Amino acid sequence: MTHEVRLMPASYVKPYPIAFSAGLTAALPHDDRSSILYRADRALYVAKAEGRNCTRIGLGMDRAVPDRAAAQERTAGRGS
């Protein structure tokens, strides 16, 4: 998208310059919506901090993600 914006004739963007920063991530097998959005949001803040017109990829920006299978086993082992 930033490439297309940069290719626009200058008359389209005057008098308002356009800057675009983005944070991207990939959905990993252990992810839920919250963890995906968390990484993308962190990557966006990194991109903004590094200047305008930046795109950063948020892999390796995980907060502690519990192992769901292990958590389910622990819960099941408690009995009812």
C-alpha atoms as a PDB file:
ATOM      1  CA  MET A   1       0.000   0.000   0.000  1.00  0.00           C
ATOM      2  CA  THR A   2       2.765   2.465   0.834  1.00  0.00           C
ATOM      3  CA  HIS A   3       4.319   1.786  -2.550  1.00  0.00           C
ATOM      4  CA  GLU A   4       1.070   2.719  -4.333  1.00  0.00           C
ATOM      5  CA  VAL A   5       0.732   5.901  -2.275  1.00  0.00           C
ATOM      6  CA  ARG A   6       4.283   6.899  -3.143  1.00  0.00           C
ATOM      7  CA  LEU A   7       3.563   6.379  -6.847  1.00  0.00           C
ATOM      8  CA  MET A   8       0.632   8.824  -6.786  1.00  0.00           C
ATOM      9  CA  PRO A   9       1.178  12.092  -8.595  1.00  0.00           C
ATOM     10  CA  ALA A  10       2.324  14.809  -6.199  1.00  0.00           C
ATOM     11  CA  SER A  11      -0.828  16.794  -6.961  1.00  0.00           C
ATOM     12  CA  TYR A  12      -2.869  14.141  -5.097  1.00  0.00           C
ATOM     13  CA  VAL A  13      -1.059  14.600  -1.814  1.00  0.00           C
ATOM     14  CA  LYS A  14      -0.593  18.358  -1.652  1.00  0.00           C
ATOM     15  CA  PRO A  15      -0.960  20.146   0.728  1.00  0.00           C
ATOM     16  CA  TYR A  16      -1.241  17.144   3.047  1.00  0.00           C
ATOM     17  CA  PRO A  17       1.790  14.861   3.054  1.00  0.00           C
ATOM     18  CA  ILE A  18       1.007  11.225   3.669  1.00  0.00           C
ATOM     19  CA  ALA A  19       2.985   9.074   6.089  1.00  0.00           C
ATOM     20  CA  PHE A  20       2.138   5.436   6.670  1.00  0.00           C
ATOM     21  CA  SER A  21       3.512   3.171   9.387  1.00  0.00           C
ATOM     22  CA  ALA A  22       2.412  -0.408   9.948  1.00  0.00           C
ATOM     23  CA  GLY A  23       2.919  -3.247  12.357  1.00  0.00           C
ATOM     24  CA  LEU A  24       2.550  -6.738  10.926  1.00  0.00           C
ATOM     25  CA  THR A  25       2.704 -10.223  12.333  1.00  0.00           C
ATOM     26  CA  ALA A  26       1.856 -13.783  11.373  1.00  0.00           C
ATOM     27  CA  ALA A  27      -0.686 -16.040  13.022  1.00  0.00           C
ATOM     28  CA  LEU A  28       1.199 -18.872  14.697  1.00  0.00           C
ATOM     29  CA  PRO A  29      -0.316 -22.233  15.715  1.00  0.00           C
ATOM     30  CA  HIS A  30      -0.523 -21.317  19.425  1.00  0.00           C
ATOM     31  CA  ASP A  31      -2.081 -17.876  18.818  1.00  0.00           C
ATOM     32  CA  ASP A  32      -5.440 -16.539  19.735  1.00  0.00           C
ATOM     33  CA  ARG A  33      -6.792 -13.183  18.588  1.00  0.00           C
ATOM     34  CA  SER A  34      -5.333 -11.381  21.591  1.00  0.00           C
ATOM     35  CA  SER A  35      -1.761 -12.570  21.038  1.00  0.00           C
ATOM     36  CA  ILE A  36      -1.887 -11.738  17.317  1.00  0.00           C
ATOM     37  CA  LEU A  37      -3.166  -8.223  17.978  1.00  0.00           C
ATOM     38  CA  TYR A  38      -0.643  -7.743  20.779  1.00  0.00           C
ATOM     39  CA  ARG A  39       2.315  -8.483  18.463  1.00  0.00           C
ATOM     40  CA  ALA A  40       0.938  -6.347  15.627  1.00  0.00           C
ATOM     41  CA  ASP A  41       0.317  -3.463  18.038  1.00  0.00           C
ATOM     42  CA  ARG A  42       3.837  -3.702  19.476  1.00  0.00           C
ATOM     43  CA  ALA A  43       5.293  -3.751  15.965  1.00  0.00           C
ATOM     44  CA  LEU A  44       3.253  -0.661  15.056  1.00  0.00           C
ATOM     45  CA  TYR A  45       4.616   1.252  18.061  1.00  0.00           C
ATOM     46  CA  VAL A  46       8.164   0.228  17.101  1.00  0.00           C
ATOM     47  CA  ALA A  47       7.546   1.461  13.536  1.00  0.00           C
ATOM     48  CA  LYS A  48       6.203   4.788  14.810  1.00  0.00           C
ATOM     49  CA  ALA A  49       9.147   5.218  17.164  1.00  0.00           C
ATOM     50  CA  GLU A  50      11.612   4.626  14.316  1.00  0.00           C
ATOM     51  CA  GLY A  51      10.113   7.322  12.114  1.00  0.00           C
ATOM     52  CA  ARG A  52       7.520   7.798   9.449  1.00  0.00           C
ATOM     53  CA  ASN A  53       6.872   5.450   6.565  1.00  0.00           C
ATOM     54  CA  CYS A  54       8.108   2.395   8.461  1.00  0.00           C
ATOM     55  CA  THR A  55       6.772  -1.134   8.505  1.00  0.00           C
ATOM     56  CA  ARG A  56       7.886  -3.538  11.206  1.00  0.00           C
ATOM     57  CA  ILE A  57       7.136  -7.224  11.646  1.00  0.00           C
ATOM     58  CA  GLY A  58       6.220  -8.305  15.161  1.00  0.00           C
ATOM     59  CA  LEU A  59       7.605 -11.797  15.526  1.00  0.00           C
ATOM     60  CA  GLY A  60       9.480 -12.467  18.734  1.00  0.00           C
ATOM     61  CA  MET A  61       7.459  -9.794  20.550  1.00  0.00           C
ATOM     62  CA  ASP A  62       5.364 -12.293  22.476  1.00  0.00           C
ATOM     63  CA  ARG A  63       4.307 -11.827  26.004  1.00  0.00           C
ATOM     64  CA  ALA A  64       4.298 -15.062  27.922  1.00  0.00           C
ATOM     65  CA  VAL A  65       1.902 -17.330  26.072  1.00  0.00           C
ATOM     66  CA  PRO A  66       0.805 -20.271  28.169  1.00  0.00           C
ATOM     67  CA  ASP A  67       0.976 -23.744  26.705  1.00  0.00           C
ATOM     68  CA  ARG A  68      -2.740 -24.439  26.337  1.00  0.00           C
ATOM     69  CA  ALA A  69      -2.430 -28.214  26.182  1.00  0.00           C
ATOM     70  CA  ALA A  70      -0.426 -28.281  29.424  1.00  0.00           C
ATOM     71  CA  ALA A  71      -2.908 -25.926  31.089  1.00  0.00           C
ATOM     72  CA  GLN A  72      -5.825 -28.157  30.051  1.00  0.00           C
ATOM     73  CA  GLU A  73      -4.047 -31.234  31.412  1.00  0.00           C
ATOM     74  CA  ARG A  74      -3.423 -29.524  34.754  1.00  0.00           C
ATOM     75  CA  THR A  75      -7.061 -28.441  34.943  1.00  0.00           C
ATOM     76  CA  ALA A  76      -8.348 -31.893  34.020  1.00  0.00           C
ATOM     77  CA  GLY A  77      -6.103 -33.516  36.646  1.00  0.00           C
ATOM     78  CA  ARG A  78      -7.749 -31.545  39.488  1.00  0.00           C
ATOM     79  CA  GLY A  79     -10.917 -33.621  39.414  1.00  0.00           C
ATOM     80  CA  SER A  80     -14.420 -32.336  40.121  1.00  0.00           C
END
